[in-house]
Amino acid sequence: RENDLPVDQHMLIALAAPRPIYVASAEKDRWADPKGEFLSCLHADPVY
């Protein structure tokens, strides 16, 4: 029921702002959703 969460992980990335933050993904690590990790960074961008 993820849509019911009042937060998502782009907000966790944003909580580091304005400090530098680095997120790394790996091609074969599909379980960790590499694209979803990038999208969290992208959607934290407005705060930065």
All heavy atoms as atom14 arrays in JSON, in Angstrom:
{
  "sequence": "RENDLPVDQHMLIALAAPRPIYVASAEKDRWADPKGEFLSCLHADPVY",
  "atom14_mask": [
    [1, 1, 1, 1, 1, 1, 1, 1, 1, 1, 1, 0, 0, 0],
    [1, 1, 1, 1, 1, 1, 1, 1, 1, 0, 0, 0, 0, 0],
    [1, 1, 1, 1, 1, 1, 1, 1, 0, 0, 0, 0, 0, 0],
    [1, 1, 1, 1, 1, 1, 1, 1, 0, 0, 0, 0, 0, 0],
    [1, 1, 1, 1, 1, 1, 1, 1, 0, 0, 0, 0, 0, 0],
    [1, 1, 1, 1, 1, 1, 1, 0, 0, 0, 0, 0, 0, 0],
    [1, 1, 1, 1, 1, 1, 1, 0, 0, 0, 0, 0, 0, 0],
    [1, 1, 1, 1, 1, 1, 1, 1, 0, 0, 0, 0, 0, 0],
    [1, 1, 1, 1, 1, 1, 1, 1, 1, 0, 0, 0, 0, 0],
    [1, 1, 1, 1, 1, 1, 1, 1, 1, 1, 0, 0, 0, 0],
    [1, 1, 1, 1, 1, 1, 1, 1, 0, 0, 0, 0, 0, 0],
    [1, 1, 1, 1, 1, 1, 1, 1, 0, 0, 0, 0, 0, 0],
    [1, 1, 1, 1, 1, 1, 1, 1, 0, 0, 0, 0, 0, 0],
    [1, 1, 1, 1, 1, 0, 0, 0, 0, 0, 0, 0, 0, 0],
    [1, 1, 1, 1, 1, 1, 1, 1, 0, 0, 0, 0, 0, 0],
    [1, 1, 1, 1, 1, 0, 0, 0, 0, 0, 0, 0, 0, 0],
    [1, 1, 1, 1, 1, 0, 0, 0, 0, 0, 0, 0, 0, 0],
    [1, 1, 1, 1, 1, 1, 1, 0, 0, 0, 0, 0, 0, 0],
    [1, 1, 1, 1, 1, 1, 1, 1, 1, 1, 1, 0, 0, 0],
    [1, 1, 1, 1, 1, 1, 1, 0, 0, 0, 0, 0, 0, 0],
    [1, 1, 1, 1, 1, 1, 1, 1, 0, 0, 0, 0, 0, 0],
    [1, 1, 1, 1, 1, 1, 1, 1, 1, 1, 1, 1, 0, 0],
    [1, 1, 1, 1, 1, 1, 1, 0, 0, 0, 0, 0, 0, 0],
    [1, 1, 1, 1, 1, 0, 0, 0, 0, 0, 0, 0, 0, 0],
    [1, 1, 1, 1, 1, 1, 0, 0, 0, 0, 0, 0, 0, 0],
    [1, 1, 1, 1, 1, 0, 0, 0, 0, 0, 0, 0, 0, 0],
    [1, 1, 1, 1, 1, 1, 1, 1, 1, 0, 0, 0, 0, 0],
    [1, 1, 1, 1, 1, 1, 1, 1, 1, 0, 0, 0, 0, 0],
    [1, 1, 1, 1, 1, 1, 1, 1, 0, 0, 0, 0, 0, 0],
    [1, 1, 1, 1, 1, 1, 1, 1, 1, 1, 1, 0, 0, 0],
    [1, 1, 1, 1, 1, 1, 1, 1, 1, 1, 1, 1, 1, 1],
    [1, 1, 1, 1, 1, 0, 0, 0, 0, 0, 0, 0, 0, 0],
    [1, 1, 1, 1, 1, 1, 1, 1, 0, 0, 0, 0, 0, 0],
    [1, 1, 1, 1, 1, 1, 1, 0, 0, 0, 0, 0, 0, 0],
    [1, 1, 1, 1, 1, 1, 1, 1, 1, 0, 0, 0, 0, 0],
    [1, 1, 1, 1, 0, 0, 0, 0, 0, 0, 0, 0, 0, 0],
    [1, 1, 1, 1, 1, 1, 1, 1, 1, 0, 0, 0, 0, 0],
    [1, 1, 1, 1, 1, 1, 1, 1, 1, 1, 1, 0, 0, 0],
    [1, 1, 1, 1, 1, 1, 1, 1, 0, 0, 0, 0, 0, 0],
    [1, 1, 1, 1, 1, 1, 0, 0, 0, 0, 0, 0, 0, 0],
    [1, 1, 1, 1, 1, 1, 0, 0, 0, 0, 0, 0, 0, 0],
    [1, 1, 1, 1, 1, 1, 1, 1, 0, 0, 0, 0, 0, 0],
    [1, 1, 1, 1, 1, 1, 1, 1, 1, 1, 0, 0, 0, 0],
    [1, 1, 1, 1, 1, 0, 0, 0, 0, 0, 0, 0, 0, 0],
    [1, 1, 1, 1, 1, 1, 1, 1, 0, 0, 0, 0, 0, 0],
    [1, 1, 1, 1, 1, 1, 1, 0, 0, 0, 0, 0, 0, 0],
    [1, 1, 1, 1, 1, 1, 1, 0, 0, 0, 0, 0, 0, 0],
    [1, 1, 1, 1, 1, 1, 1, 1, 1, 1, 1, 1, 0, 0]
  ],
  "atom14_positions": [
    [[0.86, -1.2, 0.0], [0.0, 0.0, 0.0], [0.89, 1.24, 0.0], [0.68, 2.19, 0.74], [-0.9, 0.0, 1.23], [-1.91, -1.14, 1.3], [-2.69, -1.1, 2.6], [-3.28, 0.22, 2.83], [-3.52, 0.72, 4.04], [-3.18, 0.04, 5.12], [-4.08, 1.91, 4.17], [0.0, 0.0, 0.0], [0.0, 0.0, 0.0], [0.0, 0.0, 0.0]],
    [[1.9, 1.21, -0.84], [2.9, 2.28, -0.83], [2.31, 3.65, -1.09], [2.82, 4.66, -0.58], [3.99, 1.97, -1.87], [4.91, 0.82, -1.5], [4.41, -0.53, -1.94], [3.25, -0.6, -2.42], [5.16, -1.53, -1.81], [0.0, 0.0, 0.0], [0.0, 0.0, 0.0], [0.0, 0.0, 0.0], [0.0, 0.0, 0.0], [0.0, 0.0, 0.0]],
    [[1.24, 3.72, -1.87], [0.65, 5.03, -2.17], [0.06, 5.71, -0.95], [-0.21, 6.92, -0.98], [-0.42, 4.89, -3.26], [0.15, 5.01, -4.65], [1.04, 5.81, -4.89], [-0.35, 4.22, -5.58], [0.0, 0.0, 0.0], [0.0, 0.0, 0.0], [0.0, 0.0, 0.0], [0.0, 0.0, 0.0], [0.0, 0.0, 0.0], [0.0, 0.0, 0.0]],
    [[-0.18, 4.94, 0.11], [-0.73, 5.54, 1.33], [0.33, 6.17, 2.22], [0.0, 6.88, 3.17], [-1.49, 4.47, 2.13], [-2.74, 3.98, 1.41], [-3.23, 4.7, 0.51], [-3.22, 2.88, 1.74], [0.0, 0.0, 0.0], [0.0, 0.0, 0.0], [0.0, 0.0, 0.0], [0.0, 0.0, 0.0], [0.0, 0.0, 0.0], [0.0, 0.0, 0.0]],
    [[1.59, 5.9, 1.93], [2.67, 6.51, 2.71], [2.63, 8.04, 2.59], [2.51, 8.57, 1.48], [4.03, 6.02, 2.21], [4.68, 4.83, 2.89], [5.87, 4.35, 2.05], [5.14, 5.18, 4.3], [0.0, 0.0, 0.0], [0.0, 0.0, 0.0], [0.0, 0.0, 0.0], [0.0, 0.0, 0.0], [0.0, 0.0, 0.0], [0.0, 0.0, 0.0]],
    [[2.75, 8.75, 3.69], [2.8, 10.22, 3.59], [4.14, 10.75, 3.12], [4.29, 11.96, 2.89], [2.51, 10.66, 5.03], [2.99, 9.54, 5.88], [2.75, 8.28, 5.09], [0.0, 0.0, 0.0], [0.0, 0.0, 0.0], [0.0, 0.0, 0.0], [0.0, 0.0, 0.0], [0.0, 0.0, 0.0], [0.0, 0.0, 0.0], [0.0, 0.0, 0.0]],
    [[5.14, 9.87, 2.99], [6.47, 10.26, 2.52], [6.91, 9.27, 1.45], [6.3, 8.23, 1.25], [7.51, 10.26, 3.67], [7.23, 11.37, 4.66], [7.55, 8.91, 4.37], [0.0, 0.0, 0.0], [0.0, 0.0, 0.0], [0.0, 0.0, 0.0], [0.0, 0.0, 0.0], [0.0, 0.0, 0.0], [0.0, 0.0, 0.0], [0.0, 0.0, 0.0]],
    [[7.98, 9.63, 0.73], [8.7, 8.68, -0.1], [10.16, 9.08, -0.08], [10.53, 10.12, 0.48], [8.12, 8.59, -1.51], [8.25, 7.18, -2.1], [9.29, 6.54, -1.84], [7.35, 6.75, -2.83], [0.0, 0.0, 0.0], [0.0, 0.0, 0.0], [0.0, 0.0, 0.0], [0.0, 0.0, 0.0], [0.0, 0.0, 0.0], [0.0, 0.0, 0.0]],
    [[11.0, 8.28, -0.72], [12.43, 8.37, -0.44], [13.1, 9.58, -1.07], [14.21, 9.94, -0.67], [13.12, 7.08, -0.84], [12.56, 5.83, -0.14], [12.46, 5.97, 1.36], [11.37, 6.21, 1.88], [13.57, 5.87, 2.05], [0.0, 0.0, 0.0], [0.0, 0.0, 0.0], [0.0, 0.0, 0.0], [0.0, 0.0, 0.0], [0.0, 0.0, 0.0]],
    [[12.48, 10.24, -2.05], [13.04, 11.5, -2.54], [13.07, 12.54, -1.42], [13.93, 13.42, -1.4], [12.23, 12.01, -3.73], [10.8, 12.34, -3.43], [9.92, 11.43, -2.88], [10.1, 13.5, -3.59], [8.73, 12.01, -2.73], [8.82, 13.25, -3.14], [0.0, 0.0, 0.0], [0.0, 0.0, 0.0], [0.0, 0.0, 0.0], [0.0, 0.0, 0.0]],
    [[12.15, 12.4, -0.48], [12.13, 13.31, 0.66], [13.29, 13.02, 1.61], [13.83, 13.94, 2.24], [10.8, 13.19, 1.39], [9.62, 13.68, 0.56], [8.05, 13.16, 1.26], [6.98, 14.5, 0.73], [0.0, 0.0, 0.0], [0.0, 0.0, 0.0], [0.0, 0.0, 0.0], [0.0, 0.0, 0.0], [0.0, 0.0, 0.0], [0.0, 0.0, 0.0]],
    [[13.66, 11.75, 1.71], [14.83, 11.39, 2.51], [16.1, 11.98, 1.89], [16.96, 12.51, 2.6], [14.95, 9.87, 2.6], [16.09, 9.31, 3.45], [15.94, 9.71, 4.91], [16.17, 7.8, 3.32], [0.0, 0.0, 0.0], [0.0, 0.0, 0.0], [0.0, 0.0, 0.0], [0.0, 0.0, 0.0], [0.0, 0.0, 0.0], [0.0, 0.0, 0.0]],
    [[16.23, 11.9, 0.58], [17.37, 12.53, -0.11], [17.37, 14.03, 0.17], [18.41, 14.63, 0.46], [17.3, 12.26, -1.62], [17.26, 10.75, -1.93], [18.48, 12.94, -2.34], [18.47, 9.98, -1.5], [0.0, 0.0, 0.0], [0.0, 0.0, 0.0], [0.0, 0.0, 0.0], [0.0, 0.0, 0.0], [0.0, 0.0, 0.0], [0.0, 0.0, 0.0]],
    [[16.2, 14.64, 0.08], [16.09, 16.09, 0.26], [16.49, 16.52, 1.67], [16.93, 17.67, 1.86], [14.66, 16.54, -0.04], [0.0, 0.0, 0.0], [0.0, 0.0, 0.0], [0.0, 0.0, 0.0], [0.0, 0.0, 0.0], [0.0, 0.0, 0.0], [0.0, 0.0, 0.0], [0.0, 0.0, 0.0], [0.0, 0.0, 0.0], [0.0, 0.0, 0.0]],
    [[16.34, 15.63, 2.65], [16.69, 16.0, 4.02], [18.19, 16.24, 4.21], [18.6, 16.79, 5.23], [16.2, 14.93, 5.0], [14.69, 14.92, 5.25], [14.27, 13.71, 6.06], [14.25, 16.21, 5.94], [0.0, 0.0, 0.0], [0.0, 0.0, 0.0], [0.0, 0.0, 0.0], [0.0, 0.0, 0.0], [0.0, 0.0, 0.0], [0.0, 0.0, 0.0]],
    [[19.0, 15.84, 3.25], [20.43, 16.14, 3.31], [20.74, 17.56, 2.84], [21.82, 18.07, 3.11], [21.23, 15.14, 2.49], [0.0, 0.0, 0.0], [0.0, 0.0, 0.0], [0.0, 0.0, 0.0], [0.0, 0.0, 0.0], [0.0, 0.0, 0.0], [0.0, 0.0, 0.0], [0.0, 0.0, 0.0], [0.0, 0.0, 0.0], [0.0, 0.0, 0.0]],
    [[19.82, 18.17, 2.12], [20.06, 19.48, 1.51], [20.37, 20.54, 2.57], [19.82, 20.5, 3.67], [18.83, 19.9, 0.7], [0.0, 0.0, 0.0], [0.0, 0.0, 0.0], [0.0, 0.0, 0.0], [0.0, 0.0, 0.0], [0.0, 0.0, 0.0], [0.0, 0.0, 0.0], [0.0, 0.0, 0.0], [0.0, 0.0, 0.0], [0.0, 0.0, 0.0]],
    [[21.26, 21.48, 2.24], [21.97, 21.67, 0.96], [23.32, 20.94, 0.89], [24.11, 21.2, 0.0], [22.19, 23.18, 0.92], [22.43, 23.53, 2.37], [21.51, 22.62, 3.15], [0.0, 0.0, 0.0], [0.0, 0.0, 0.0], [0.0, 0.0, 0.0], [0.0, 0.0, 0.0], [0.0, 0.0, 0.0], [0.0, 0.0, 0.0], [0.0, 0.0, 0.0]],
    [[23.57, 20.02, 1.82], [24.85, 19.31, 1.84], [24.95, 18.38, 0.62], [23.94, 17.89, 0.11], [24.97, 18.5, 3.12], [25.09, 19.32, 4.4], [24.83, 18.45, 5.62], [23.45, 18.0, 5.67], [23.03, 16.92, 6.33], [23.92, 16.15, 6.97], [21.76, 16.59, 6.35], [0.0, 0.0, 0.0], [0.0, 0.0, 0.0], [0.0, 0.0, 0.0]],
    [[26.15, 18.1, 0.17], [26.31, 17.15, -0.94], [25.83, 15.75, -0.54], [26.06, 15.31, 0.58], [27.82, 17.16, -1.21], [28.34, 18.41, -0.59], [27.45, 18.69, 0.58], [0.0, 0.0, 0.0], [0.0, 0.0, 0.0], [0.0, 0.0, 0.0], [0.0, 0.0, 0.0], [0.0, 0.0, 0.0], [0.0, 0.0, 0.0], [0.0, 0.0, 0.0]],
    [[25.2, 15.09, -1.48], [24.76, 13.72, -1.27], [25.04, 12.92, -2.53], [24.94, 13.46, -3.64], [23.26, 13.66, -0.9], [22.87, 12.23, -0.49], [22.37, 14.17, -2.03], [21.5, 12.15, 0.18], [0.0, 0.0, 0.0], [0.0, 0.0, 0.0], [0.0, 0.0, 0.0], [0.0, 0.0, 0.0], [0.0, 0.0, 0.0], [0.0, 0.0, 0.0]],
    [[25.43, 11.68, -2.36], [25.78, 10.83, -3.51], [25.01, 9.52, -3.39], [25.0, 8.88, -2.33], [27.28, 10.54, -3.54], [27.8, 10.14, -4.9], [28.63, 10.99, -5.63], [27.43, 8.93, -5.47], [29.09, 10.62, -6.89], [27.88, 8.56, -6.72], [28.71, 9.41, -7.43], [29.15, 9.05, -8.69], [0.0, 0.0, 0.0], [0.0, 0.0, 0.0]],
    [[24.37, 9.12, -4.49], [23.64, 7.86, -4.56], [24.22, 7.03, -5.7], [24.38, 7.53, -6.81], [22.13, 8.1, -4.79], [21.4, 6.79, -5.04], [21.53, 8.84, -3.59], [0.0, 0.0, 0.0], [0.0, 0.0, 0.0], [0.0, 0.0, 0.0], [0.0, 0.0, 0.0], [0.0, 0.0, 0.0], [0.0, 0.0, 0.0], [0.0, 0.0, 0.0]],
    [[24.55, 5.78, -5.41], [25.13, 4.9, -6.42], [24.26, 3.67, -6.61], [23.76, 3.08, -5.65], [26.53, 4.46, -6.01], [0.0, 0.0, 0.0], [0.0, 0.0, 0.0], [0.0, 0.0, 0.0], [0.0, 0.0, 0.0], [0.0, 0.0, 0.0], [0.0, 0.0, 0.0], [0.0, 0.0, 0.0], [0.0, 0.0, 0.0], [0.0, 0.0, 0.0]],
    [[24.09, 3.28, -7.89], [23.32, 2.1, -8.26], [24.2, 1.18, -9.09], [25.26, 1.58, -9.59], [22.08, 2.49, -9.07], [21.3, 3.47, -8.42], [0.0, 0.0, 0.0], [0.0, 0.0, 0.0], [0.0, 0.0, 0.0], [0.0, 0.0, 0.0], [0.0, 0.0, 0.0], [0.0, 0.0, 0.0], [0.0, 0.0, 0.0], [0.0, 0.0, 0.0]],
    [[23.72, -0.06, -9.28], [24.48, -1.04, -10.06], [23.56, -1.75, -11.04], [22.41, -2.06, -10.74], [25.16, -2.05, -9.14], [0.0, 0.0, 0.0], [0.0, 0.0, 0.0], [0.0, 0.0, 0.0], [0.0, 0.0, 0.0], [0.0, 0.0, 0.0], [0.0, 0.0, 0.0], [0.0, 0.0, 0.0], [0.0, 0.0, 0.0], [0.0, 0.0, 0.0]],
    [[24.11, -2.03, -12.21], [23.34, -2.59, -13.33], [22.62, -3.89, -12.96], [21.45, -4.09, -13.3], [24.29, -2.84, -14.51], [23.65, -3.48, -15.71], [24.67, -3.85, -16.78], [25.86, -3.93, -16.46], [24.25, -4.05, -17.93], [0.0, 0.0, 0.0], [0.0, 0.0, 0.0], [0.0, 0.0, 0.0], [0.0, 0.0, 0.0], [0.0, 0.0, 0.0]],
    [[23.3, -4.79, -12.28], [22.72, -6.09, -11.99], [21.97, -6.13, -10.65], [21.45, -7.17, -10.26], [23.82, -7.16, -11.99], [24.46, -7.34, -13.36], [25.54, -8.42, -13.33], [26.18, -8.59, -14.7], [27.26, -9.61, -14.69], [0.0, 0.0, 0.0], [0.0, 0.0, 0.0], [0.0, 0.0, 0.0], [0.0, 0.0, 0.0], [0.0, 0.0, 0.0]],
    [[21.9, -5.0, -9.99], [21.22, -4.92, -8.69], [19.76, -4.5, -8.9], [19.31, -3.48, -8.37], [21.96, -3.94, -7.79], [21.5, -4.03, -6.34], [20.8, -4.99, -5.98], [21.84, -3.12, -5.57], [0.0, 0.0, 0.0], [0.0, 0.0, 0.0], [0.0, 0.0, 0.0], [0.0, 0.0, 0.0], [0.0, 0.0, 0.0], [0.0, 0.0, 0.0]],
    [[19.03, -5.29, -9.66], [17.65, -4.92, -10.0], [16.75, -4.91, -8.78], [15.77, -4.17, -8.72], [17.12, -5.88, -11.06], [17.92, -5.86, -12.36], [17.52, -7.01, -13.27], [16.18, -6.84, -13.8], [15.44, -7.83, -14.29], [15.91, -9.08, -14.28], [14.23, -7.6, -14.76], [0.0, 0.0, 0.0], [0.0, 0.0, 0.0], [0.0, 0.0, 0.0]],
    [[17.05, -5.77, -7.81], [16.28, -5.85, -6.58], [16.21, -4.48, -5.89], [15.2, -4.13, -5.26], [16.94, -6.87, -5.67], [16.29, -7.2, -4.38], [16.76, -6.91, -3.14], [15.07, -7.93, -4.18], [15.91, -7.41, -2.17], [14.86, -8.04, -2.79], [14.12, -8.49, -5.05], [13.76, -8.69, -2.23], [13.03, -9.14, -4.49], [12.85, -9.23, -3.11]],
    [[17.28, -3.69, -6.01], [17.35, -2.37, -5.36], [16.76, -1.25, -6.22], [16.77, -0.1, -5.79], [18.8, -2.04, -5.0], [0.0, 0.0, 0.0], [0.0, 0.0, 0.0], [0.0, 0.0, 0.0], [0.0, 0.0, 0.0], [0.0, 0.0, 0.0], [0.0, 0.0, 0.0], [0.0, 0.0, 0.0], [0.0, 0.0, 0.0], [0.0, 0.0, 0.0]],
    [[16.26, -1.56, -7.41], [15.63, -0.59, -8.31], [16.54, 0.61, -8.61], [16.31, 1.73, -8.11], [14.32, -0.09, -7.72], [13.55, 0.83, -8.68], [13.87, 0.84, -9.89], [12.64, 1.54, -8.21], [0.0, 0.0, 0.0], [0.0, 0.0, 0.0], [0.0, 0.0, 0.0], [0.0, 0.0, 0.0], [0.0, 0.0, 0.0], [0.0, 0.0, 0.0]],
    [[17.58, 0.4, -9.42], [18.49, 1.5, -9.74], [17.79, 2.74, -10.3], [18.12, 3.86, -9.92], [19.43, 0.88, -10.78], [19.43, -0.58, -10.46], [18.04, -0.88, -10.01], [0.0, 0.0, 0.0], [0.0, 0.0, 0.0], [0.0, 0.0, 0.0], [0.0, 0.0, 0.0], [0.0, 0.0, 0.0], [0.0, 0.0, 0.0], [0.0, 0.0, 0.0]],
    [[16.82, 2.54, -11.19], [16.13, 3.71, -11.76], [15.37, 4.46, -10.68], [15.33, 5.7, -10.66], [15.19, 3.29, -12.88], [14.57, 4.47, -13.61], [13.75, 4.03, -14.81], [13.19, 5.24, -15.56], [12.4, 4.81, -16.75], [0.0, 0.0, 0.0], [0.0, 0.0, 0.0], [0.0, 0.0, 0.0], [0.0, 0.0, 0.0], [0.0, 0.0, 0.0]],
    [[14.77, 3.72, -9.75], [14.06, 4.37, -8.65], [14.98, 5.15, -7.74], [14.59, 6.17, -7.16], [0.0, 0.0, 0.0], [0.0, 0.0, 0.0], [0.0, 0.0, 0.0], [0.0, 0.0, 0.0], [0.0, 0.0, 0.0], [0.0, 0.0, 0.0], [0.0, 0.0, 0.0], [0.0, 0.0, 0.0], [0.0, 0.0, 0.0], [0.0, 0.0, 0.0]],
    [[16.23, 4.7, -7.62], [17.21, 5.45, -6.85], [17.54, 6.77, -7.54], [17.64, 7.83, -6.9], [18.47, 4.61, -6.64], [18.22, 3.39, -5.76], [19.48, 2.61, -5.45], [20.29, 2.37, -6.37], [19.66, 2.24, -4.28], [0.0, 0.0, 0.0], [0.0, 0.0, 0.0], [0.0, 0.0, 0.0], [0.0, 0.0, 0.0], [0.0, 0.0, 0.0]],
    [[17.7, 6.71, -8.87], [17.95, 7.96, -9.6], [16.77, 8.9, -9.49], [16.93, 10.12, -9.29], [18.24, 7.66, -11.08], [18.18, 8.9, -11.93], [19.18, 9.86, -11.87], [17.09, 9.13, -12.77], [19.11, 11.02, -12.62], [17.01, 10.29, -13.53], [18.02, 11.24, -13.46], [0.0, 0.0, 0.0], [0.0, 0.0, 0.0], [0.0, 0.0, 0.0]],
    [[15.55, 8.36, -9.61], [14.36, 9.23, -9.58], [14.21, 9.92, -8.22], [13.72, 11.05, -8.15], [13.12, 8.41, -9.92], [13.01, 7.96, -11.38], [11.82, 7.03, -11.56], [12.89, 9.17, -12.3], [0.0, 0.0, 0.0], [0.0, 0.0, 0.0], [0.0, 0.0, 0.0], [0.0, 0.0, 0.0], [0.0, 0.0, 0.0], [0.0, 0.0, 0.0]],
    [[14.62, 9.26, -7.15], [14.61, 9.94, -5.86], [15.53, 11.16, -5.88], [15.17, 12.23, -5.37], [15.08, 8.98, -4.75], [14.04, 8.15, -4.33], [0.0, 0.0, 0.0], [0.0, 0.0, 0.0], [0.0, 0.0, 0.0], [0.0, 0.0, 0.0], [0.0, 0.0, 0.0], [0.0, 0.0, 0.0], [0.0, 0.0, 0.0], [0.0, 0.0, 0.0]],
    [[16.69, 11.01, -6.48], [17.61, 12.15, -6.61], [16.97, 13.26, -7.44], [17.04, 14.44, -7.09], [18.92, 11.7, -7.26], [19.86, 10.52, -6.28], [0.0, 0.0, 0.0], [0.0, 0.0, 0.0], [0.0, 0.0, 0.0], [0.0, 0.0, 0.0], [0.0, 0.0, 0.0], [0.0, 0.0, 0.0], [0.0, 0.0, 0.0], [0.0, 0.0, 0.0]],
    [[16.37, 12.87, -8.55], [15.75, 13.85, -9.44], [14.64, 14.63, -8.73], [14.54, 15.86, -8.87], [15.19, 13.14, -10.67], [14.55, 14.02, -11.73], [15.56, 14.98, -12.33], [13.9, 13.16, -12.82], [0.0, 0.0, 0.0], [0.0, 0.0, 0.0], [0.0, 0.0, 0.0], [0.0, 0.0, 0.0], [0.0, 0.0, 0.0], [0.0, 0.0, 0.0]],
    [[13.82, 13.93, -7.96], [12.69, 14.6, -7.31], [13.08, 15.29, -6.01], [12.25, 16.01, -5.43], [11.57, 13.59, -7.08], [10.9, 13.14, -8.34], [10.11, 13.98, -9.11], [10.95, 11.96, -9.01], [9.67, 13.32, -10.18], [10.18, 12.1, -10.15], [0.0, 0.0, 0.0], [0.0, 0.0, 0.0], [0.0, 0.0, 0.0], [0.0, 0.0, 0.0]],
    [[14.32, 15.12, -5.57], [14.85, 15.93, -4.47], [15.45, 17.23, -4.99], [15.69, 18.17, -4.21], [15.91, 15.15, -3.7], [0.0, 0.0, 0.0], [0.0, 0.0, 0.0], [0.0, 0.0, 0.0], [0.0, 0.0, 0.0], [0.0, 0.0, 0.0], [0.0, 0.0, 0.0], [0.0, 0.0, 0.0], [0.0, 0.0, 0.0], [0.0, 0.0, 0.0]],
    [[15.67, 17.31, -6.28], [16.33, 18.46, -6.9], [15.67, 19.8, -6.55], [16.37, 20.77, -6.28], [16.37, 18.27, -8.42], [16.96, 19.45, -9.16], [18.2, 19.57, -9.21], [16.18, 20.29, -9.67], [0.0, 0.0, 0.0], [0.0, 0.0, 0.0], [0.0, 0.0, 0.0], [0.0, 0.0, 0.0], [0.0, 0.0, 0.0], [0.0, 0.0, 0.0]],
    [[14.32, 19.92, -6.55], [13.72, 21.23, -6.24], [14.11, 21.78, -4.88], [14.24, 23.0, -4.72], [12.21, 20.93, -6.31], [12.09, 19.79, -7.26], [13.29, 18.94, -6.97], [0.0, 0.0, 0.0], [0.0, 0.0, 0.0], [0.0, 0.0, 0.0], [0.0, 0.0, 0.0], [0.0, 0.0, 0.0], [0.0, 0.0, 0.0], [0.0, 0.0, 0.0]],
    [[14.32, 20.91, -3.9], [14.74, 21.38, -2.58], [16.15, 21.95, -2.65], [16.44, 23.03, -2.11], [14.65, 20.25, -1.55], [15.19, 20.72, -0.2], [13.21, 19.76, -1.41], [0.0, 0.0, 0.0], [0.0, 0.0, 0.0], [0.0, 0.0, 0.0], [0.0, 0.0, 0.0], [0.0, 0.0, 0.0], [0.0, 0.0, 0.0], [0.0, 0.0, 0.0]],
    [[17.04, 21.23, -3.33], [18.41, 21.71, -3.48], [18.45, 23.03, -4.24], [19.22, 23.94, -3.91], [19.26, 20.65, -4.18], [19.83, 19.63, -3.23], [19.06, 18.57, -2.76], [21.14, 19.75, -2.76], [19.59, 17.65, -1.87], [21.67, 18.83, -1.87], [20.89, 17.79, -1.43], [21.41, 16.89, -0.53], [0.0, 0.0, 0.0], [0.0, 0.0, 0.0]]
  ]
}
